[in-house]
PDB file of N, CA and C in Angstrom:
ATOM      1  N   MET A   1      97.545  50.183-122.923  1.00  0.00           N
ATOM      2  CA  MET A   1      97.169  50.082-121.529  1.00  0.00           C
ATOM      3  C   MET A   1      95.773  49.447-121.434  1.00  0.00           C
ATOM      4  N   VAL A   2      95.628  48.548-120.511  1.00  0.00           N
ATOM      5  CA  VAL A   2      94.358  47.840-120.317  1.00  0.00           C
ATOM      6  C   VAL A   2      93.502  48.626-119.340  1.00  0.00           C
ATOM      7  N   GLU A   3      92.271  48.837-119.729  1.00  0.00           N
ATOM      8  CA  GLU A   3      91.338  49.573-118.874  1.00  0.00           C
ATOM      9  C   GLU A   3      90.929  48.703-117.686  1.00  0.00           C
ATOM     10  N   PRO A   4      90.914  49.265-116.462  1.00  0.00           N
ATOM     11  CA  PRO A   4      90.537  48.452-115.293  1.00  0.00           C
ATOM     12  C   PRO A   4      89.076  48.028-115.372  1.00  0.00           C
ATOM     13  N   ARG A   5      88.808  46.837-114.902  1.00  0.00           N
ATOM     14  CA  ARG A   5      87.452  46.310-114.889  1.00  0.00           C
ATOM     15  C   ARG A   5      86.761  46.691-113.602  1.00  0.00           C
ATOM     16  N   TRP A   6      85.548  47.198-113.716  1.00  0.00           N
ATOM     17  CA  TRP A   6      84.792  47.605-112.535  1.00  0.00           C
ATOM     18  C   TRP A   6      84.113  46.408-111.913  1.00  0.00           C
ATOM     19  N   GLN A   7      84.121  46.400-110.608  1.00  0.00           N
ATOM     20  CA  GLN A   7      83.449  45.323-109.884  1.00  0.00           C
ATOM     21  C   GLN A   7      81.949  45.570-109.909  1.00  0.00           C
ATOM     22  N   GLN A   8      81.158  44.559-110.151  1.00  0.00           N
ATOM     23  CA  GLN A   8      79.710  44.693-110.193  1.00  0.00           C
ATOM     24  C   GLN A   8      79.168  44.660-108.763  1.00  0.00           C
ATOM     25  N   THR A   9      78.808  45.808-108.242  1.00  0.00           N
ATOM     26  CA  THR A   9      78.285  45.914-106.880  1.00  0.00           C
ATOM     27  C   THR A   9      76.805  46.232-106.931  1.00  0.00           C
ATOM     28  N   ARG A  10      76.163  46.207-105.774  1.00  0.00           N
ATOM     29  CA  ARG A  10      74.746  46.581-105.725  1.00  0.00           C
ATOM     30  C   ARG A  10      74.557  48.036-106.110  1.00  0.00           C
ATOM     31  N   PHE A  11      75.508  48.883-105.683  1.00  0.00           N
ATOM     32  CA  PHE A  11      75.418  50.296-106.029  1.00  0.00           C
ATOM     33  C   PHE A  11      75.555  50.497-107.536  1.00  0.00           C
ATOM     34  N   GLN A  12      76.448  49.752-108.159  1.00  0.00           N
ATOM     35  CA  GLN A  12      76.625  49.827-109.614  1.00  0.00           C
ATOM     36  C   GLN A  12      75.350  49.384-110.327  1.00  0.00           C
ATOM     37  N   ALA A  13      74.709  48.335-109.841  1.00  0.00           N
ATOM     38  CA  ALA A  13      73.457  47.855-110.437  1.00  0.00           C
ATOM     39  C   ALA A  13      72.355  48.896-110.264  1.00  0.00           C
ATOM     40  N   LEU A  14      72.308  49.534-109.084  1.00  0.00           N
ATOM     41  CA  LEU A  14      71.319  50.582-108.844  1.00  0.00           C
ATOM     42  C   LEU A  14      71.532  51.760-109.783  1.00  0.00           C
ATOM     43  N   GLN A  15      72.791  52.147-109.966  1.00  0.00           N
ATOM     44  CA  GLN A  15      73.105  53.239-110.889  1.00  0.00           C
ATOM     45  C   GLN A  15      72.675  52.888-112.312  1.00  0.00           C
ATOM     46  N   SER A  16      72.907  51.678-112.712  1.00  0.00           N
ATOM     47  CA  SER A  16      72.519  51.241-114.062  1.00  0.00           C
ATOM     48  C   SER A  16      71.009  51.290-114.246  1.00  0.00           C
ATOM     49  N   ARG A  17      70.271  50.841-113.217  1.00  0.00           N
ATOM     50  CA  ARG A  17      68.804  50.890-113.301  1.00  0.00           C
ATOM     51  C   ARG A  17      68.308  52.315-113.377  1.00  0.00           C
ATOM     52  N   TRP A  18      68.882  53.217-112.553  1.00  0.00           N
ATOM     53  CA  TRP A  18      68.465  54.630-112.579  1.00  0.00           C
ATOM     54  C   TRP A  18      68.789  55.273-113.917  1.00  0.00           C
ATOM     55  N   ALA A  19      69.952  54.960-114.455  1.00  0.00           N
ATOM     56  CA  ALA A  19      70.319  55.508-115.762  1.00  0.00           C
ATOM     57  C   ALA A  19      69.352  55.002-116.832  1.00  0.00           C
ATOM     58  N   GLY A  20      68.994  53.737-116.760  1.00  0.00           N
ATOM     59  CA  GLY A  20      68.020  53.194-117.707  1.00  0.00           C
ATOM     60  C   GLY A  20      66.661  53.856-117.580  1.00  0.00           C
ATOM     61  N   SER A  21      66.235  54.111-116.342  1.00  0.00           N
ATOM     62  CA  SER A  21      64.955  54.795-116.128  1.00  0.00           C
ATOM     63  C   SER A  21      64.994  56.215-116.664  1.00  0.00           C
ATOM     64  N   LEU A  22      66.108  56.900-116.433  1.00  0.00           N
ATOM     65  CA  LEU A  22      66.245  58.263-116.918  1.00  0.00           C
ATOM     66  C   LEU A  22      66.232  58.305-118.436  1.00  0.00           C
ATOM     67  N   LEU A  23      66.937  57.376-119.067  1.00  0.00           N
ATOM     68  CA  LEU A  23      66.935  57.331-120.526  1.00  0.00           C
ATOM     69  C   LEU A  23      65.556  56.999-121.076  1.00  0.00           C
ATOM     70  N   THR A  24      64.828  56.138-120.392  1.00  0.00           N
ATOM     71  CA  THR A  24      63.468  55.823-120.816  1.00  0.00           C
ATOM     72  C   THR A  24      62.591  57.067-120.762  1.00  0.00           C
ATOM     73  N   GLN A  25      62.750  57.859-119.699  1.00  0.00           N
ATOM     74  CA  GLN A  25      61.977  59.088-119.577  1.00  0.00           C
ATOM     75  C   GLN A  25      62.356  60.091-120.669  1.00  0.00           C
ATOM     76  N   LEU A  26      63.632  60.162-120.997  1.00  0.00           N
ATOM     77  CA  LEU A  26      64.077  61.114-122.017  1.00  0.00           C
ATOM     78  C   LEU A  26      63.645  60.703-123.420  1.00  0.00           C
ATOM     79  N   ARG A  27      63.466  59.422-123.640  1.00  0.00           N
ATOM     80  CA  ARG A  27      63.047  58.936-124.954  1.00  0.00           C
ATOM     81  C   ARG A  27      61.554  59.116-125.203  1.00  0.00           C
ATOM     82  N   ARG A  28      60.794  59.405-124.175  1.00  0.00           N
ATOM     83  CA  ARG A  28      59.349  59.564-124.344  1.00  0.00           C
ATOM     84  C   ARG A  28      59.038  60.826-125.144  1.00  0.00           C
ATOM     85  N   SER A  29      57.819  60.912-125.631  1.00  0.00           N
ATOM     86  CA  SER A  29      57.411  62.062-126.427  1.00  0.00           C
ATOM     87  C   SER A  29      57.181  63.287-125.543  1.00  0.00           C
ATOM     88  N   TRP A  30      57.015  64.424-126.188  1.00  0.00           N
ATOM     89  CA  TRP A  30      56.742  65.663-125.463  1.00  0.00           C
ATOM     90  C   TRP A  30      55.451  65.550-124.668  1.00  0.00           C
ATOM     91  N   ARG A  31      54.482  64.909-125.251  1.00  0.00           N
ATOM     92  CA  ARG A  31      53.195  64.749-124.576  1.00  0.00           C
ATOM     93  C   ARG A  31      53.363  63.986-123.267  1.00  0.00           C
ATOM     94  N   ALA A  32      54.095  62.899-123.323  1.00  0.00           N
ATOM     95  CA  ALA A  32      54.300  62.081-122.123  1.00  0.00           C
ATOM     96  C   ALA A  32      55.110  62.844-121.081  1.00  0.00           C
ATOM     97  N   GLY A  33      56.150  63.547-121.517  1.00  0.00           N
ATOM     98  CA  GLY A  33      56.957  64.322-120.578  1.00  0.00           C
ATOM     99  C   GLY A  33      56.166  65.446-119.934  1.00  0.00           C
ATOM    100  N   SER A  34      55.363  66.134-120.739  1.00  0.00           N
ATOM    101  CA  SER A  34      54.541  67.229-120.211  1.00  0.00           C
ATOM    102  C   SER A  34      53.516  66.715-119.211  1.00  0.00           C
ATOM    103  N   LEU A  35      52.873  65.606-119.540  1.00  0.00           N
ATOM    104  CA  LEU A  35      51.886  65.048-118.623  1.00  0.00           C
ATOM    105  C   LEU A  35      52.539  64.553-117.331  1.00  0.00           C
ATOM    106  N   SER A  36      53.751  64.036-117.438  1.00  0.00           N
ATOM    107  CA  SER A  36      54.460  63.585-116.237  1.00  0.00           C
ATOM    108  C   SER A  36      54.774  64.756-115.310  1.00  0.00           C
ATOM    109  N   ILE A  37      55.283  65.829-115.881  1.00  0.00           N
ATOM    110  CA  ILE A  37      55.625  67.002-115.069  1.00  0.00           C
ATOM    111  C   ILE A  37      54.362  67.649-114.511  1.00  0.00           C
ATOM    112  N   LEU A  38      53.316  67.737-115.332  1.00  0.00           N
ATOM    113  CA  LEU A  38      52.058  68.313-114.842  1.00  0.00           C
ATOM    114  C   LEU A  38      51.480  67.497-113.692  1.00  0.00           C
ATOM    115  N   SER A  39      51.544  66.181-113.787  1.00  0.00           N
ATOM    116  CA  SER A  39      51.011  65.357-112.700  1.00  0.00           C
ATOM    117  C   SER A  39      51.837  65.528-111.429  1.00  0.00           C
ATOM    118  N   LEU A  40      53.134  65.736-111.554  1.00  0.00           N
ATOM    119  CA  LEU A  40      53.974  65.997-110.392  1.00  0.00           C
ATOM    120  C   LEU A  40      53.552  67.302-109.712  1.00  0.00           C
ATOM    121  N   LEU A  41      53.365  68.345-110.503  1.00  0.00           N
ATOM    122  CA  LEU A  41      52.971  69.645-109.952  1.00  0.00           C
ATOM    123  C   LEU A  41      51.544  69.628-109.404  1.00  0.00           C
ATOM    124  N   ILE A  42      50.654  68.914-110.083  1.00  0.00           N
ATOM    125  CA  ILE A  42      49.277  68.813-109.603  1.00  0.00           C
ATOM    126  C   ILE A  42      49.229  68.036-108.289  1.00  0.00           C
ATOM    127  N   GLY A  43      50.041  67.003-108.167  1.00  0.00           N
ATOM    128  CA  GLY A  43      50.116  66.268-106.904  1.00  0.00           C
ATOM    129  C   GLY A  43      50.583  67.151-105.771  1.00  0.00           C
ATOM    130  N   PHE A  44      51.576  67.999-106.034  1.00  0.00           N
ATOM    131  CA  PHE A  44      52.062  68.940-105.024  1.00  0.00           C
ATOM    132  C   PHE A  44      50.961  69.924-104.638  1.00  0.00           C
ATOM    133  N   TYR A  45      50.282  70.482-105.633  1.00  0.00           N
ATOM    134  CA  TYR A  45      49.219  71.467-105.392  1.00  0.00           C
ATOM    135  C   TYR A  45      48.057  70.854-104.621  1.00  0.00           C
ATOM    136  N   LEU A  46      47.614  69.690-105.047  1.00  0.00           N
ATOM    137  CA  LEU A  46      46.488  69.039-104.381  1.00  0.00           C
ATOM    138  C   LEU A  46      46.825  68.654-102.941  1.00  0.00           C
ATOM    139  N   ALA A  47      48.026  68.174-102.728  1.00  0.00           N
ATOM    140  CA  ALA A  47      48.401  67.769-101.366  1.00  0.00           C
ATOM    141  C   ALA A  47      48.427  68.969-100.427  1.00  0.00           C
ATOM    142  N   GLN A  48      48.911  70.100-100.902  1.00  0.00           N
ATOM    143  CA  GLN A  48      48.932  71.276-100.042  1.00  0.00           C
ATOM    144  C   GLN A  48      47.518  71.732 -99.698  1.00  0.00           C
ATOM    145  N   ASN A  49      46.635  71.737-100.677  1.00  0.00           N
ATOM    146  CA  ASN A  49      45.284  72.244-100.441  1.00  0.00           C
ATOM    147  C   ASN A  49      44.377  71.225 -99.768  1.00  0.00           C
ATOM    148  N   VAL A  50      44.452  69.991-100.198  1.00  0.00           N
ATOM    149  CA  VAL A  50      43.568  68.966 -99.637  1.00  0.00           C
ATOM    150  C   VAL A  50      43.925  68.674 -98.184  1.00  0.00           C
ATOM    151  N   THR A  51      45.212  68.634 -97.871  1.00  0.00           N
ATOM    152  CA  THR A  51      45.573  68.382 -96.477  1.00  0.00           C
ATOM    153  C   THR A  51      45.127  69.527 -95.579  1.00  0.00           C
ATOM    154  N   ALA A  52      45.167  70.757 -96.088  1.00  0.00           N
ATOM    155  CA  ALA A  52      44.688  71.886 -95.283  1.00  0.00           C
ATOM    156  C   ALA A  52      43.182  71.779 -95.045  1.00  0.00           C
ATOM    157  N   LEU A  53      42.437  71.329 -96.053  1.00  0.00           N
ATOM    158  CA  LEU A  53      40.988  71.169 -95.894  1.00  0.00           C
ATOM    159  C   LEU A  53      40.644  69.970 -95.014  1.00  0.00           C
ATOM    160  N   LEU A  54      41.343  68.867 -95.216  1.00  0.00           N
ATOM    161  CA  LEU A  54      41.037  67.659 -94.453  1.00  0.00           C
ATOM    162  C   LEU A  54      41.481  67.751 -93.003  1.00  0.00           C
ATOM    163  N   LEU A  55      42.466  68.568 -92.736  1.00  0.00           N
ATOM    164  CA  LEU A  55      43.001  68.672 -91.389  1.00  0.00           C
ATOM    165  C   LEU A  55      41.944  69.157 -90.412  1.00  0.00           C
ATOM    166  N   VAL A  56      41.079  70.037 -90.867  1.00  0.00           N
ATOM    167  CA  VAL A  56      40.024  70.575 -90.012  1.00  0.00           C
ATOM    168  C   VAL A  56      38.964  69.515 -89.742  1.00  0.00           C
ATOM    169  N   ARG A  57      38.669  68.696 -90.745  1.00  0.00           N
ATOM    170  CA  ARG A  57      37.575  67.730 -90.625  1.00  0.00           C
ATOM    171  C   ARG A  57      38.009  66.344 -90.192  1.00  0.00           C
ATOM    172  N   PHE A  58      39.290  66.064 -90.222  1.00  0.00           N
ATOM    173  CA  PHE A  58      39.775  64.714 -89.945  1.00  0.00           C
ATOM    174  C   PHE A  58      39.870  64.481 -88.444  1.00  0.00           C
ATOM    175  N   ARG A  59      39.292  63.387 -88.011  1.00  0.00           N
ATOM    176  CA  ARG A  59      39.314  63.049 -86.595  1.00  0.00           C
ATOM    177  C   ARG A  59      40.698  62.539 -86.195  1.00  0.00           C
ATOM    178  N   GLY A  60      41.300  63.081 -85.180  1.00  0.00           N
ATOM    179  CA  GLY A  60      42.621  62.662 -84.744  1.00  0.00           C
ATOM    180  C   GLY A  60      43.717  63.639 -85.094  1.00  0.00           C
ATOM    181  N   GLY A  61      43.395  64.649 -85.922  1.00  0.00           N
ATOM    182  CA  GLY A  61      44.364  65.685 -86.232  1.00  0.00           C
ATOM    183  C   GLY A  61      45.400  65.287 -87.260  1.00  0.00           C
ATOM    184  N   ARG A  62      46.479  66.029 -87.254  1.00  0.00           N
ATOM    185  CA  ARG A  62      47.541  65.879 -88.242  1.00  0.00           C
ATOM    186  C   ARG A  62      48.194  64.497 -88.250  1.00  0.00           C
ATOM    187  N   PRO A  63      48.521  63.896 -87.098  1.00  0.00           N
ATOM    188  CA  PRO A  63      49.180  62.579 -87.170  1.00  0.00           C
ATOM    189  C   PRO A  63      48.340  61.516 -87.867  1.00  0.00           C
ATOM    190  N   MET A  64      47.051  61.485 -87.596  1.00  0.00           N
ATOM    191  CA  MET A  64      46.193  60.480 -88.232  1.00  0.00           C
ATOM    192  C   MET A  64      46.026  60.756 -89.726  1.00  0.00           C
ATOM    193  N   LEU A  65      45.952  62.023 -90.103  1.00  0.00           N
ATOM    194  CA  LEU A  65      45.827  62.366 -91.517  1.00  0.00           C
ATOM    195  C   LEU A  65      47.078  61.956 -92.283  1.00  0.00           C
ATOM    196  N   VAL A  66      48.233  62.264 -91.743  1.00  0.00           N
ATOM    197  CA  VAL A  66      49.484  61.907 -92.406  1.00  0.00           C
ATOM    198  C   VAL A  66      49.647  60.390 -92.459  1.00  0.00           C
ATOM    199  N   LEU A  67      49.291  59.695 -91.383  1.00  0.00           N
ATOM    200  CA  LEU A  67      49.368  58.236 -91.378  1.00  0.00           C
ATOM    201  C   LEU A  67      48.462  57.637 -92.456  1.00  0.00           C
ATOM    202  N   THR A  68      47.258  58.159 -92.569  1.00  0.00           N
ATOM    203  CA  THR A  68      46.332  57.671 -93.589  1.00  0.00           C
ATOM    204  C   THR A  68      46.883  57.912 -94.990  1.00  0.00           C
ATOM    205  N   LEU A  69      47.419  59.102 -95.236  1.00  0.00           N
ATOM    206  CA  LEU A  69      47.973  59.398 -96.562  1.00  0.00           C
ATOM    207  C   LEU A  69      49.190  58.536 -96.869  1.00  0.00           C
ATOM    208  N   VAL A  70      50.028  58.299 -95.887  1.00  0.00           N
ATOM    209  CA  VAL A  70      51.199  57.440 -96.103  1.00  0.00           C
ATOM    210  C   VAL A  70      50.752  56.010 -96.422  1.00  0.00           C
ATOM    211  N   LEU A  71      49.736  55.523 -95.742  1.00  0.00           N
ATOM    212  CA  LEU A  71      49.220  54.180 -96.036  1.00  0.00           C
ATOM    213  C   LEU A  71      48.634  54.102 -97.446  1.00  0.00           C
ATOM    214  N   VAL A  72      47.918  55.138 -97.866  1.00  0.00           N
ATOM    215  CA  VAL A  72      47.356  55.165 -99.219  1.00  0.00           C
ATOM    216  C   VAL A  72      48.481  55.163-100.252  1.00  0.00           C
ATOM    217  N   PHE A  73      49.515  55.976-100.012  1.00  0.00           N
ATOM    218  CA  PHE A  73      50.643  56.025-100.945  1.00  0.00           C
ATOM    219  C   PHE A  73      51.372  54.680-101.005  1.00  0.00           C
ATOM    220  N   GLU A  74      51.512  54.041 -99.877  1.00  0.00           N
ATOM    221  CA  GLU A  74      52.172  52.733 -99.843  1.00  0.00           C
ATOM    222  C   GLU A  74      51.345  51.696-100.605  1.00  0.00           C
ATOM    223  N   LEU A  75      50.033  51.754-100.468  1.00  0.00           N
ATOM    224  CA  LEU A  75      49.179  50.835-101.223  1.00  0.00           C
ATOM    225  C   LEU A  75      49.306  51.066-102.723  1.00  0.00           C
ATOM    226  N   ILE A  76      49.417  52.323-103.136  1.00  0.00           N
ATOM    227  CA  ILE A  76      49.594  52.629-104.560  1.00  0.00           C
ATOM    228  C   ILE A  76      50.899  52.031-105.072  1.00  0.00           C
ATOM    229  N   VAL A  77      51.967  52.173-104.289  1.00  0.00           N
ATOM    230  CA  VAL A  77      53.263  51.626-104.695  1.00  0.00           C
ATOM    231  C   VAL A  77      53.192  50.109-104.788  1.00  0.00           C
ATOM    232  N   ARG A  78      52.588  49.465-103.801  1.00  0.00           N
ATOM    233  CA  ARG A  78      52.481  48.002-103.811  1.00  0.00           C
ATOM    234  C   ARG A  78      51.649  47.523-104.997  1.00  0.00           C
ATOM    235  N   LEU A  79      50.556  48.222-105.287  1.00  0.00           N
ATOM    236  CA  LEU A  79      49.708  47.851-106.413  1.00  0.00           C
ATOM    237  C   LEU A  79      50.469  47.980-107.721  1.00  0.00           C
ATOM    238  N   ARG A  80      51.219  49.047-107.877  1.00  0.00           N
ATOM    239  CA  ARG A  80      51.966  49.262-109.110  1.00  0.00           C
ATOM    240  C   ARG A  80      53.011  48.169-109.319  1.00  0.00           C
ATOM    241  N   THR A  81      53.719  47.806-108.268  1.00  0.00           N
ATOM    242  CA  THR A  81      54.757  46.792-108.435  1.00  0.00           C
ATOM    243  C   THR A  81      54.165  45.423-108.750  1.00  0.00           C
ATOM    244  N   ARG A  82      52.942  45.154-108.331  1.00  0.00           N
ATOM    245  CA  ARG A  82      52.312  43.865-108.646  1.00  0.00           C
ATOM    246  C   ARG A  82      51.725  43.844-110.051  1.00  0.00           C
ATOM    247  N   VAL A  83      51.220  44.987-110.515  1.00  0.00           N
ATOM    248  CA  VAL A  83      50.540  45.038-111.810  1.00  0.00           C
ATOM    249  C   VAL A  83      51.525  45.223-112.963  1.00  0.00           C
ATOM    250  N   VAL A  84      52.486  46.134-112.799  1.00  0.00           N
ATOM    251  CA  VAL A  84      53.404  46.480-113.885  1.00  0.00           C
ATOM    252  C   VAL A  84      54.745  45.813-113.641  1.00  0.00           C
ATOM    253  N   SER A  85      55.212  45.051-114.627  1.00  0.00           N
ATOM    254  CA  SER A  85      56.503  44.383-114.455  1.00  0.00           C
ATOM    255  C   SER A  85      57.610  45.071-115.247  1.00  0.00           C
ATOM    256  N   GLY A  86      57.323  45.569-116.429  1.00  0.00           N
ATOM    257  CA  GLY A  86      58.334  46.214-117.270  1.00  0.00           C
ATOM    258  C   GLY A  86      58.275  47.719-117.117  1.00  0.00           C
ATOM    259  N   PRO A  87      58.628  48.426-118.177  1.00  0.00           N
ATOM    260  CA  PRO A  87      58.510  49.887-118.133  1.00  0.00           C
ATOM    261  C   PRO A  87      57.052  50.292-117.938  1.00  0.00           C
ATOM    262  N   ALA A  88      56.847  51.259-117.068  1.00  0.00           N
ATOM    263  CA  ALA A  88      55.490  51.651-116.707  1.00  0.00           C
ATOM    264  C   ALA A  88      54.831  52.448-117.827  1.00  0.00           C
ATOM    265  N   PRO A  89      53.551  52.171-118.109  1.00  0.00           N
ATOM    266  CA  PRO A  89      52.828  52.988-119.080  1.00  0.00           C
ATOM    267  C   PRO A  89      52.578  54.392-118.521  1.00  0.00           C
ATOM    268  N   LEU A  90      52.145  55.287-119.374  1.00  0.00           N
ATOM    269  CA  LEU A  90      51.992  56.690-119.009  1.00  0.00           C
ATOM    270  C   LEU A  90      51.036  56.888-117.838  1.00  0.00           C
ATOM    271  N   GLY A  91      49.972  56.128-117.772  1.00  0.00           N
ATOM    272  CA  GLY A  91      49.014  56.257-116.675  1.00  0.00           C
ATOM    273  C   GLY A  91      49.651  55.984-115.320  1.00  0.00           C
ATOM    274  N   TRP A  92      50.454  54.933-115.242  1.00  0.00           N
ATOM    275  CA  TRP A  92      51.127  54.608-113.981  1.00  0.00           C
ATOM    276  C   TRP A  92      52.197  55.633-113.649  1.00  0.00           C
ATOM    277  N   VAL A  93      52.872  56.171-114.662  1.00  0.00           N
ATOM    278  CA  VAL A  93      53.871  57.218-114.419  1.00  0.00           C
ATOM    279  C   VAL A  93      53.184  58.447-113.841  1.00  0.00           C
ATOM    280  N   MET A  94      52.021  58.783-114.367  1.00  0.00           N
ATOM    281  CA  MET A  94      51.290  59.949-113.854  1.00  0.00           C
ATOM    282  C   MET A  94      50.834  59.717-112.417  1.00  0.00           C
ATOM    283  N   ILE A  95      50.335  58.525-112.114  1.00  0.00           N
ATOM    284  CA  ILE A  95      49.917  58.217-110.739  1.00  0.00           C
ATOM    285  C   ILE A  95      51.117  58.274-109.800  1.00  0.00           C
ATOM    286  N   ASP A  96      52.243  57.735-110.251  1.00  0.00           N
ATOM    287  CA  ASP A  96      53.463  57.791-109.447  1.00  0.00           C
ATOM    288  C   ASP A  96      53.898  59.238-109.205  1.00  0.00           C
ATOM    289  N   ASN A  97      53.827  60.060-110.232  1.00  0.00           N
ATOM    290  CA  ASN A  97      54.227  61.459-110.074  1.00  0.00           C
ATOM    291  C   ASN A  97      53.264  62.234-109.180  1.00  0.00           C
ATOM    292  N   LEU A  98      51.982  61.912-109.237  1.00  0.00           N
ATOM    293  CA  LEU A  98      51.034  62.525-108.293  1.00  0.00           C
ATOM    294  C   LEU A  98      51.421  62.169-106.861  1.00  0.00           C
ATOM    295  N   ARG A  99      51.770  60.910-106.654  1.00  0.00           N
ATOM    296  CA  ARG A  99      52.177  60.451-105.328  1.00  0.00           C
ATOM    297  C   ARG A  99      53.460  61.132-104.871  1.00  0.00           C
ATOM    298  N   ILE A 100      54.426  61.236-105.758  1.00  0.00           N
ATOM    299  CA  ILE A 100      55.702  61.869-105.406  1.00  0.00           C
ATOM    300  C   ILE A 100      55.497  63.340-105.085  1.00  0.00           C
ATOM    301  N   GLY A 101      54.685  64.036-105.889  1.00  0.00           N
ATOM    302  CA  GLY A 101      54.405  65.446-105.626  1.00  0.00           C
ATOM    303  C   GLY A 101      53.690  65.648-104.303  1.00  0.00           C
ATOM    304  N   ALA A 102      52.745  64.780-103.993  1.00  0.00           N
ATOM    305  CA  ALA A 102      52.016  64.891-102.728  1.00  0.00           C
ATOM    306  C   ALA A 102      52.931  64.606-101.544  1.00  0.00           C
ATOM    307  N   THR A 103      53.791  63.613-101.679  1.00  0.00           N
ATOM    308  CA  THR A 103      54.735  63.304-100.594  1.00  0.00           C
ATOM    309  C   THR A 103      55.683  64.472-100.372  1.00  0.00           C
ATOM    310  N   TYR A 104      56.166  65.048-101.447  1.00  0.00           N
ATOM    311  CA  TYR A 104      57.061  66.200-101.339  1.00  0.00           C
ATOM    312  C   TYR A 104      56.359  67.367-100.654  1.00  0.00           C
ATOM    313  N   ALA A 105      55.096  67.597-100.983  1.00  0.00           N
ATOM    314  CA  ALA A 105      54.353  68.695-100.362  1.00  0.00           C
ATOM    315  C   ALA A 105      54.202  68.480 -98.862  1.00  0.00           C
ATOM    316  N   MET A 106      53.929  67.238 -98.453  1.00  0.00           N
ATOM    317  CA  MET A 106      53.781  66.965 -97.014  1.00  0.00           C
ATOM    318  C   MET A 106      55.108  67.136 -96.277  1.00  0.00           C
ATOM    319  N   VAL A 107      56.189  66.662 -96.886  1.00  0.00           N
ATOM    320  CA  VAL A 107      57.498  66.819 -96.250  1.00  0.00           C
ATOM    321  C   VAL A 107      57.889  68.287 -96.196  1.00  0.00           C
ATOM    322  N   PHE A 108      57.606  69.013 -97.253  1.00  0.00           N
ATOM    323  CA  PHE A 108      57.912  70.441 -97.298  1.00  0.00           C
ATOM    324  C   PHE A 108      57.123  71.208 -96.242  1.00  0.00           C
ATOM    325  N   GLU A 109      55.866  70.856 -96.081  1.00  0.00           N
ATOM    326  CA  GLU A 109      55.026  71.501 -95.054  1.00  0.00           C
ATOM    327  C   GLU A 109      55.537  71.187 -93.660  1.00  0.00           C
ATOM    328  N   ALA A 110      55.939  69.957 -93.423  1.00  0.00           N
ATOM    329  CA  ALA A 110      56.494  69.587 -92.126  1.00  0.00           C
ATOM    330  C   ALA A 110      57.796  70.331 -91.859  1.00  0.00           C
ATOM    331  N   PHE A 111      58.592  70.520 -92.895  1.00  0.00           N
ATOM    332  CA  PHE A 111      59.843  71.257 -92.738  1.00  0.00           C
ATOM    333  C   PHE A 111      59.565  72.718 -92.388  1.00  0.00           C
ATOM    334  N   LYS A 112      58.546  73.299 -93.025  1.00  0.00           N
ATOM    335  CA  LYS A 112      58.202  74.696 -92.729  1.00  0.00           C
ATOM    336  C   LYS A 112      57.707  74.846 -91.307  1.00  0.00           C
ATOM    337  N   LEU A 113      56.945  73.860 -90.837  1.00  0.00           N
ATOM    338  CA  LEU A 113      56.401  73.930 -89.482  1.00  0.00           C
ATOM    339  C   LEU A 113      57.419  73.520 -88.427  1.00  0.00           C
ATOM    340  N   GLY A 114      58.453  72.834 -88.828  1.00  0.00           N
ATOM    341  CA  GLY A 114      59.469  72.397 -87.883  1.00  0.00           C
ATOM    342  C   GLY A 114      59.066  71.185 -87.072  1.00  0.00           C
ATOM    343  N   THR A 115      58.188  70.336 -87.646  1.00  0.00           N
ATOM    344  CA  THR A 115      57.742  69.144 -86.921  1.00  0.00           C
ATOM    345  C   THR A 115      58.296  67.904 -87.575  1.00  0.00           C
TER     346      THR A 115
END
């Protein structure tokens, strides 16, 4: 019996890229994996605490603070895509994980507040 051939779709290409990224992460050393997870958790922790501190001092309140943080995160993403073309070195992975953790903390806080 002949195995059916899969059509190459955009979704299939996306799945292949994600699988490749996941395998790249799994092939890294313990040190790299630990630092990646720590940076994710530190980003979450810092975002929860720093946003609470900045909210009191930031002019314009919560909407302006969140807008500013989203713009900073977007600039980080744009900078990374221009500088790094292949697999990202550990420093960029840590910066990305800090950003992801901080974004998750802001979304989680908004979900708790119902806004």
